[in-house]
Amino acid sequence: MNTKPQRRRCGNVLTVLAVAGSFLVMAWLVWLMRHYTEAPSLAQARAAERLKIKQTFDEANAPLINSYDWVDKGKGIVRIPVERAKELVLQEWQKPIAAHANLAARAAKAAAPAAPTNSAATTPTNAPAATTPTNGSAATTPTNASAPAGPVKNP
């Protein structure tokens, strides 16, 4: 007599366990599919690529930023290591007025054409010769292409 309700209760428990087990199996399968089909992060790939480019750039420019060398021997312009340049700037800018005057003098020296050592060697082959304007002003010569361009003032 009691066997039918017990069977029903046992059948209900087995049904609930089967449904819960099915949900757990499905959740596990969804997790597996998500895990194996997820695309790699673009941010990680880009970060790795940027790091590689930066390392290549640093390796290529290390001799330039860590050594002394002449930039323009005729003008007396040299390249110094970055760390030494930082030290010099900090030391120089302790007195801002003198530093500003020194900076202006160096900028003027850098913008001035280099002193010619050999006239044939410094004149470009495709540059026009010096011209004399018809209005009687001073003669002009071609300027150095590497000199910074700036406003020209007429006297």
C-alpha atoms as a PDB file:
ATOM      1  CA  MET A   1       0.000   0.000   0.000  1.00  0.00           C
ATOM      2  CA  ASN A   2       2.737   2.406   0.785  1.00  0.00           C
ATOM      3  CA  THR A   3       4.758   1.421  -2.214  1.00  0.00           C
ATOM      4  CA  LYS A   4       2.984   3.655  -4.731  1.00  0.00           C
ATOM      5  CA  PRO A   5       3.576   6.933  -2.859  1.00  0.00           C
ATOM      6  CA  GLN A   6       7.165   5.942  -2.229  1.00  0.00           C
ATOM      7  CA  ARG A   7       7.651   5.162  -5.892  1.00  0.00           C
ATOM      8  CA  ARG A   8       6.121   8.479  -6.850  1.00  0.00           C
ATOM      9  CA  ARG A   9       8.336  10.313  -4.408  1.00  0.00           C
ATOM     10  CA  CYS A  10      11.371   8.384  -5.618  1.00  0.00           C
ATOM     11  CA  GLY A  11      10.370   9.055  -9.215  1.00  0.00           C
ATOM     12  CA  ASN A  12       9.964  12.768  -8.458  1.00  0.00           C
ATOM     13  CA  VAL A  13      13.390  12.901  -6.803  1.00  0.00           C
ATOM     14  CA  LEU A  14      14.962  11.096  -9.746  1.00  0.00           C
ATOM     15  CA  THR A  15      13.270  13.475 -12.174  1.00  0.00           C
ATOM     16  CA  VAL A  16      14.509  16.519 -10.256  1.00  0.00           C
ATOM     17  CA  LEU A  17      18.026  15.070 -10.105  1.00  0.00           C
ATOM     18  CA  ALA A  18      17.943  14.266 -13.828  1.00  0.00           C
ATOM     19  CA  VAL A  19      16.810  17.805 -14.721  1.00  0.00           C
ATOM     20  CA  ALA A  20      19.398  19.388 -12.409  1.00  0.00           C
ATOM     21  CA  GLY A  21      22.106  17.109 -13.798  1.00  0.00           C
ATOM     22  CA  SER A  22      21.084  18.026 -17.355  1.00  0.00           C
ATOM     23  CA  PHE A  23      21.348  21.721 -16.515  1.00  0.00           C
ATOM     24  CA  LEU A  24      24.777  21.207 -14.944  1.00  0.00           C
ATOM     25  CA  VAL A  25      26.000  19.250 -17.964  1.00  0.00           C
ATOM     26  CA  MET A  26      24.672  21.944 -20.316  1.00  0.00           C
ATOM     27  CA  ALA A  27      26.280  24.723 -18.254  1.00  0.00           C
ATOM     28  CA  TRP A  28      29.592  22.852 -18.324  1.00  0.00           C
ATOM     29  CA  LEU A  29      29.357  22.396 -22.118  1.00  0.00           C
ATOM     30  CA  VAL A  30      28.566  26.113 -22.595  1.00  0.00           C
ATOM     31  CA  TRP A  31      31.551  27.042 -20.443  1.00  0.00           C
ATOM     32  CA  LEU A  32      33.804  24.725 -22.480  1.00  0.00           C
ATOM     33  CA  MET A  33      32.583  26.162 -25.776  1.00  0.00           C
ATOM     34  CA  ARG A  34      33.107  29.729 -24.553  1.00  0.00           C
ATOM     35  CA  HIS A  35      36.547  28.891 -23.243  1.00  0.00           C
ATOM     36  CA  TYR A  36      37.772  27.232 -26.442  1.00  0.00           C
ATOM     37  CA  THR A  37      36.133  29.576 -28.963  1.00  0.00           C
ATOM     38  CA  GLU A  38      36.998  32.895 -27.278  1.00  0.00           C
ATOM     39  CA  ALA A  39      39.163  35.132 -29.473  1.00  0.00           C
ATOM     40  CA  PRO A  40      42.411  36.439 -27.997  1.00  0.00           C
ATOM     41  CA  SER A  41      42.268  39.961 -26.640  1.00  0.00           C
ATOM     42  CA  LEU A  42      43.209  42.639 -29.185  1.00  0.00           C
ATOM     43  CA  ALA A  43      44.602  44.817 -26.413  1.00  0.00           C
ATOM     44  CA  GLN A  44      47.172  42.172 -25.506  1.00  0.00           C
ATOM     45  CA  ALA A  45      48.211  41.698 -29.136  1.00  0.00           C
ATOM     46  CA  ARG A  46      48.530  45.452 -29.668  1.00  0.00           C
ATOM     47  CA  ALA A  47      50.480  45.899 -26.447  1.00  0.00           C
ATOM     48  CA  ALA A  48      52.923  43.166 -27.487  1.00  0.00           C
ATOM     49  CA  GLU A  49      53.334  44.740 -30.929  1.00  0.00           C
ATOM     50  CA  ARG A  50      53.915  48.203 -29.451  1.00  0.00           C
ATOM     51  CA  LEU A  51      56.474  46.826 -27.011  1.00  0.00           C
ATOM     52  CA  LYS A  52      58.332  45.120 -29.874  1.00  0.00           C
ATOM     53  CA  ILE A  53      58.348  48.351 -31.929  1.00  0.00           C
ATOM     54  CA  LYS A  54      59.557  50.369 -28.924  1.00  0.00           C
ATOM     55  CA  GLN A  55      62.373  47.897 -28.235  1.00  0.00           C
ATOM     56  CA  THR A  56      63.464  47.998 -31.888  1.00  0.00           C
ATOM     57  CA  PHE A  57      63.363  51.807 -31.851  1.00  0.00           C
ATOM     58  CA  ASP A  58      65.340  51.986 -28.602  1.00  0.00           C
ATOM     59  CA  GLU A  59      67.969  49.564 -29.918  1.00  0.00           C
ATOM     60  CA  ALA A  60      68.346  51.545 -33.138  1.00  0.00           C
ATOM     61  CA  ASN A  61      68.634  54.893 -31.356  1.00  0.00           C
ATOM     62  CA  ALA A  62      70.717  53.822 -28.345  1.00  0.00           C
ATOM     63  CA  PRO A  63      74.010  54.937 -29.957  1.00  0.00           C
ATOM     64  CA  LEU A  64      72.498  58.346 -30.709  1.00  0.00           C
ATOM     65  CA  ILE A  65      71.146  59.049 -27.234  1.00  0.00           C
ATOM     66  CA  ASN A  66      73.974  57.521 -25.213  1.00  0.00           C
ATOM     67  CA  SER A  67      77.109  58.847 -26.909  1.00  0.00           C
ATOM     68  CA  TYR A  68      78.985  62.017 -27.746  1.00  0.00           C
ATOM     69  CA  ASP A  69      79.293  62.972 -31.420  1.00  0.00           C
ATOM     70  CA  TRP A  70      79.616  65.980 -33.701  1.00  0.00           C
ATOM     71  CA  VAL A  71      76.365  67.203 -35.238  1.00  0.00           C
ATOM     72  CA  ASP A  72      77.969  70.110 -37.108  1.00  0.00           C
ATOM     73  CA  LYS A  73      81.686  70.502 -36.568  1.00  0.00           C
ATOM     74  CA  GLY A  74      81.793  73.818 -38.472  1.00  0.00           C
ATOM     75  CA  LYS A  75      79.282  75.402 -36.091  1.00  0.00           C
ATOM     76  CA  GLY A  76      80.662  73.621 -33.043  1.00  0.00           C
ATOM     77  CA  ILE A  77      77.429  71.709 -32.349  1.00  0.00           C
ATOM     78  CA  VAL A  78      77.833  68.392 -30.547  1.00  0.00           C
ATOM     79  CA  ARG A  79      75.469  65.653 -29.439  1.00  0.00           C
ATOM     80  CA  ILE A  80      75.684  64.600 -25.804  1.00  0.00           C
ATOM     81  CA  PRO A  81      74.011  61.733 -23.926  1.00  0.00           C
ATOM     82  CA  VAL A  82      70.466  62.452 -22.757  1.00  0.00           C
ATOM     83  CA  GLU A  83      71.236  61.986 -19.062  1.00  0.00           C
ATOM     84  CA  ARG A  84      74.132  64.460 -19.245  1.00  0.00           C
ATOM     85  CA  ALA A  85      71.929  66.929 -21.119  1.00  0.00           C
ATOM     86  CA  LYS A  86      69.317  66.716 -18.355  1.00  0.00           C
ATOM     87  CA  GLU A  87      71.983  67.437 -15.744  1.00  0.00           C
ATOM     88  CA  LEU A  88      73.265  70.432 -17.715  1.00  0.00           C
ATOM     89  CA  VAL A  89      69.764  71.849 -18.226  1.00  0.00           C
ATOM     90  CA  LEU A  90      68.958  71.585 -14.534  1.00  0.00           C
ATOM     91  CA  GLN A  91      72.260  73.178 -13.638  1.00  0.00           C
ATOM     92  CA  GLU A  92      71.911  75.954 -16.220  1.00  0.00           C
ATOM     93  CA  TRP A  93      68.321  76.878 -15.397  1.00  0.00           C
ATOM     94  CA  GLN A  94      69.124  77.606 -11.758  1.00  0.00           C
ATOM     95  CA  LYS A  95      69.654  81.171 -13.066  1.00  0.00           C
ATOM     96  CA  PRO A  96      66.854  81.672 -15.632  1.00  0.00           C
ATOM     97  CA  ILE A  97      67.933  85.071 -16.998  1.00  0.00           C
ATOM     98  CA  ALA A  98      71.467  83.904 -17.818  1.00  0.00           C
ATOM     99  CA  ALA A  99      70.114  80.636 -19.174  1.00  0.00           C
ATOM    100  CA  HIS A 100      67.715  82.453 -21.503  1.00  0.00           C
ATOM    101  CA  ALA A 101      70.511  84.664 -22.844  1.00  0.00           C
ATOM    102  CA  ASN A 102      72.725  81.609 -23.352  1.00  0.00           C
ATOM    103  CA  LEU A 103      69.905  79.768 -25.120  1.00  0.00           C
ATOM    104  CA  ALA A 104      69.301  82.692 -27.478  1.00  0.00           C
ATOM    105  CA  ALA A 105      73.019  82.926 -28.292  1.00  0.00           C
ATOM    106  CA  ARG A 106      73.212  79.191 -29.026  1.00  0.00           C
ATOM    107  CA  ALA A 107      70.096  79.339 -31.220  1.00  0.00           C
ATOM    108  CA  ALA A 108      71.570  82.197 -33.222  1.00  0.00           C
ATOM    109  CA  LYS A 109      74.839  80.289 -33.617  1.00  0.00           C
ATOM    110  CA  ALA A 110      73.004  77.160 -34.768  1.00  0.00           C
ATOM    111  CA  ALA A 111      70.939  79.100 -37.299  1.00  0.00           C
ATOM    112  CA  ALA A 112      73.977  80.881 -38.764  1.00  0.00           C
ATOM    113  CA  PRO A 113      75.601  79.253 -41.798  1.00  0.00           C
ATOM    114  CA  ALA A 114      78.749  77.268 -41.078  1.00  0.00           C
ATOM    115  CA  ALA A 115      82.104  78.860 -41.799  1.00  0.00           C
ATOM    116  CA  PRO A 116      83.219  77.598 -45.231  1.00  0.00           C
ATOM    117  CA  THR A 117      86.409  75.569 -45.225  1.00  0.00           C
ATOM    118  CA  ASN A 118      86.593  75.155 -49.002  1.00  0.00           C
ATOM    119  CA  SER A 119      84.376  77.249 -51.278  1.00  0.00           C
ATOM    120  CA  ALA A 120      84.016  74.474 -53.866  1.00  0.00           C
ATOM    121  CA  ALA A 121      82.981  71.945 -51.256  1.00  0.00           C
ATOM    122  CA  THR A 122      80.297  74.115 -49.615  1.00  0.00           C
ATOM    123  CA  THR A 123      78.526  75.393 -52.743  1.00  0.00           C
ATOM    124  CA  PRO A 124      75.867  72.972 -53.965  1.00  0.00           C
ATOM    125  CA  THR A 125      76.205  72.057 -57.628  1.00  0.00           C
ATOM    126  CA  ASN A 126      72.526  72.685 -58.393  1.00  0.00           C
ATOM    127  CA  ALA A 127      72.258  75.987 -56.466  1.00  0.00           C
ATOM    128  CA  PRO A 128      71.971  79.214 -58.432  1.00  0.00           C
ATOM    129  CA  ALA A 129      74.821  81.663 -58.231  1.00  0.00           C
ATOM    130  CA  ALA A 130      74.594  84.827 -56.161  1.00  0.00           C
ATOM    131  CA  THR A 131      72.326  87.394 -57.755  1.00  0.00           C
ATOM    132  CA  THR A 132      72.321  91.140 -57.637  1.00  0.00           C
ATOM    133  CA  PRO A 133      68.836  92.625 -57.492  1.00  0.00           C
ATOM    134  CA  THR A 134      67.998  95.508 -59.788  1.00  0.00           C
ATOM    135  CA  ASN A 135      66.724  97.673 -56.934  1.00  0.00           C
ATOM    136  CA  GLY A 136      70.262  98.148 -55.545  1.00  0.00           C
ATOM    137  CA  SER A 137      69.886  96.120 -52.331  1.00  0.00           C
ATOM    138  CA  ALA A 138      72.495  93.624 -51.136  1.00  0.00           C
ATOM    139  CA  ALA A 139      73.182  90.450 -53.088  1.00  0.00           C
ATOM    140  CA  THR A 140      71.495  87.263 -51.950  1.00  0.00           C
ATOM    141  CA  THR A 141      72.862  83.752 -51.831  1.00  0.00           C
ATOM    142  CA  PRO A 142      71.046  80.452 -51.458  1.00  0.00           C
ATOM    143  CA  THR A 143      70.439  79.550 -47.829  1.00  0.00           C
ATOM    144  CA  ASN A 144      71.308  76.277 -46.187  1.00  0.00           C
ATOM    145  CA  ALA A 145      68.372  73.868 -46.508  1.00  0.00           C
ATOM    146  CA  SER A 146      68.935  72.513 -42.991  1.00  0.00           C
ATOM    147  CA  ALA A 147      68.736  75.949 -41.362  1.00  0.00           C
ATOM    148  CA  PRO A 148      65.413  76.641 -39.662  1.00  0.00           C
ATOM    149  CA  ALA A 149      63.076  78.811 -41.677  1.00  0.00           C
ATOM    150  CA  GLY A 150      61.867  82.000 -40.047  1.00  0.00           C
ATOM    151  CA  PRO A 151      60.416  85.365 -40.917  1.00  0.00           C
ATOM    152  CA  VAL A 152      62.653  87.569 -43.004  1.00  0.00           C
ATOM    153  CA  LYS A 153      62.846  91.247 -42.018  1.00  0.00           C
ATOM    154  CA  ASN A 154      63.755  93.869 -44.590  1.00  0.00           C
ATOM    155  CA  PRO A 155      65.902  96.773 -43.284  1.00  0.00           C
END
